[in-house]
Amino acid sequence: MLFQPRRNRRRPPVDDAYTEWLDAHSRCTDALAAWRRAEPRGRSAAYRAYHAALEHEERAAAELERLQPPSLAA
């Protein structure tokens, strides 16, 4: 018997939220590194890019927490 994949199988929303947060976190890390390396005349733009990436990461983290709240430790 051949394996038949389930049709219309969707990932849980929390998986997509985690992927979004992970991507945002990576971009934020890269933006921070770019800000640190920036020449003096490019620091302002690099800071704005980092700040935007940080805000995006915070929104993604909030959505992830909304979908998967931290478990309470006993």
C-alpha atoms as a PDB file:
ATOM      1  CA  MET A   1       0.000   0.000   0.000  1.00  0.00           C
ATOM      2  CA  LEU A   2       1.381   3.409  -0.974  1.00  0.00           C
ATOM      3  CA  PHE A   3       1.508   6.295   1.463  1.00  0.00           C
ATOM      4  CA  GLN A   4      -1.293   8.709   0.728  1.00  0.00           C
ATOM      5  CA  PRO A   5      -0.639  12.214   2.100  1.00  0.00           C
ATOM      6  CA  ARG A   6      -3.569  13.842   3.817  1.00  0.00           C
ATOM      7  CA  ARG A   7      -5.124  16.467   1.632  1.00  0.00           C
ATOM      8  CA  ASN A   8      -5.851  19.948   2.937  1.00  0.00           C
ATOM      9  CA  ARG A   9      -3.560  19.407   5.886  1.00  0.00           C
ATOM     10  CA  ARG A  10      -2.714  22.756   7.403  1.00  0.00           C
ATOM     11  CA  ARG A  11      -0.156  23.721   9.959  1.00  0.00           C
ATOM     12  CA  PRO A  12      -1.466  25.081  13.236  1.00  0.00           C
ATOM     13  CA  PRO A  13      -1.475  28.908  13.372  1.00  0.00           C
ATOM     14  CA  VAL A  14       1.092  28.795  16.183  1.00  0.00           C
ATOM     15  CA  ASP A  15       3.593  27.181  13.780  1.00  0.00           C
ATOM     16  CA  ASP A  16       3.197  30.054  11.340  1.00  0.00           C
ATOM     17  CA  ALA A  17       3.525  32.556  14.191  1.00  0.00           C
ATOM     18  CA  TYR A  18       6.729  30.895  15.359  1.00  0.00           C
ATOM     19  CA  THR A  19       8.154  30.969  11.834  1.00  0.00           C
ATOM     20  CA  GLU A  20       7.252  34.658  11.542  1.00  0.00           C
ATOM     21  CA  TRP A  21       8.879  35.452  14.897  1.00  0.00           C
ATOM     22  CA  LEU A  22      12.016  33.474  14.047  1.00  0.00           C
ATOM     23  CA  ASP A  23      12.379  35.317  10.748  1.00  0.00           C
ATOM     24  CA  ALA A  24      11.803  38.674  12.474  1.00  0.00           C
ATOM     25  CA  HIS A  25      14.328  37.793  15.164  1.00  0.00           C
ATOM     26  CA  SER A  26      16.946  36.934  12.549  1.00  0.00           C
ATOM     27  CA  ARG A  27      16.319  40.179  10.664  1.00  0.00           C
ATOM     28  CA  CYS A  28      16.533  42.141  13.911  1.00  0.00           C
ATOM     29  CA  THR A  29      19.854  40.506  14.761  1.00  0.00           C
ATOM     30  CA  ASP A  30      21.178  41.371  11.305  1.00  0.00           C
ATOM     31  CA  ALA A  31      19.940  44.968  11.587  1.00  0.00           C
ATOM     32  CA  LEU A  32      21.613  45.374  14.977  1.00  0.00           C
ATOM     33  CA  ALA A  33      24.896  44.096  13.578  1.00  0.00           C
ATOM     34  CA  ALA A  34      24.597  46.478  10.621  1.00  0.00           C
ATOM     35  CA  TRP A  35      23.978  49.393  12.975  1.00  0.00           C
ATOM     36  CA  ARG A  36      27.063  48.486  14.987  1.00  0.00           C
ATOM     37  CA  ARG A  37      29.197  48.307  11.828  1.00  0.00           C
ATOM     38  CA  ALA A  38      27.772  51.454  10.259  1.00  0.00           C
ATOM     39  CA  GLU A  39      30.024  54.346   9.379  1.00  0.00           C
ATOM     40  CA  PRO A  40      29.203  57.570  11.232  1.00  0.00           C
ATOM     41  CA  ARG A  41      27.296  59.081   8.292  1.00  0.00           C
ATOM     42  CA  GLY A  42      25.131  55.935   7.959  1.00  0.00           C
ATOM     43  CA  ARG A  43      24.410  55.346  11.629  1.00  0.00           C
ATOM     44  CA  SER A  44      21.128  57.238  11.680  1.00  0.00           C
ATOM     45  CA  ALA A  45      19.658  55.199   8.820  1.00  0.00           C
ATOM     46  CA  ALA A  46      21.025  51.970  10.302  1.00  0.00           C
ATOM     47  CA  TYR A  47      19.448  52.805  13.655  1.00  0.00           C
ATOM     48  CA  ARG A  48      16.071  53.471  12.021  1.00  0.00           C
ATOM     49  CA  ALA A  49      16.296  50.132  10.188  1.00  0.00           C
ATOM     50  CA  TYR A  50      17.164  48.356  13.447  1.00  0.00           C
ATOM     51  CA  HIS A  51      14.324  50.078  15.298  1.00  0.00           C
ATOM     52  CA  ALA A  52      11.830  49.043  12.603  1.00  0.00           C
ATOM     53  CA  ALA A  53      13.109  45.449  12.718  1.00  0.00           C
ATOM     54  CA  LEU A  54      12.857  45.437  16.515  1.00  0.00           C
ATOM     55  CA  GLU A  55       9.257  46.661  16.407  1.00  0.00           C
ATOM     56  CA  HIS A  56       8.404  43.949  13.881  1.00  0.00           C
ATOM     57  CA  GLU A  57       9.997  41.314  16.108  1.00  0.00           C
ATOM     58  CA  GLU A  58       8.017  42.583  19.109  1.00  0.00           C
ATOM     59  CA  ARG A  59       4.737  42.361  17.163  1.00  0.00           C
ATOM     60  CA  ALA A  60       5.611  38.836  16.009  1.00  0.00           C
ATOM     61  CA  ALA A  61       6.483  37.827  19.586  1.00  0.00           C
ATOM     62  CA  ALA A  62       3.179  39.201  20.873  1.00  0.00           C
ATOM     63  CA  GLU A  63       1.259  37.223  18.255  1.00  0.00           C
ATOM     64  CA  LEU A  64       3.187  34.067  19.105  1.00  0.00           C
ATOM     65  CA  GLU A  65       2.447  34.559  22.807  1.00  0.00           C
ATOM     66  CA  ARG A  66      -1.231  35.173  22.026  1.00  0.00           C
ATOM     67  CA  LEU A  67      -1.437  31.859  20.177  1.00  0.00           C
ATOM     68  CA  GLN A  68       0.796  29.906  22.559  1.00  0.00           C
ATOM     69  CA  PRO A  69       0.845  31.495  26.006  1.00  0.00           C
ATOM     70  CA  PRO A  70       3.708  30.405  28.254  1.00  0.00           C
ATOM     71  CA  SER A  71       2.821  27.459  30.449  1.00  0.00           C
ATOM     72  CA  LEU A  72       2.681  28.070  34.163  1.00  0.00           C
ATOM     73  CA  ALA A  73       5.415  26.299  36.054  1.00  0.00           C
ATOM     74  CA  ALA A  74       4.212  24.335  39.042  1.00  0.00           C
END
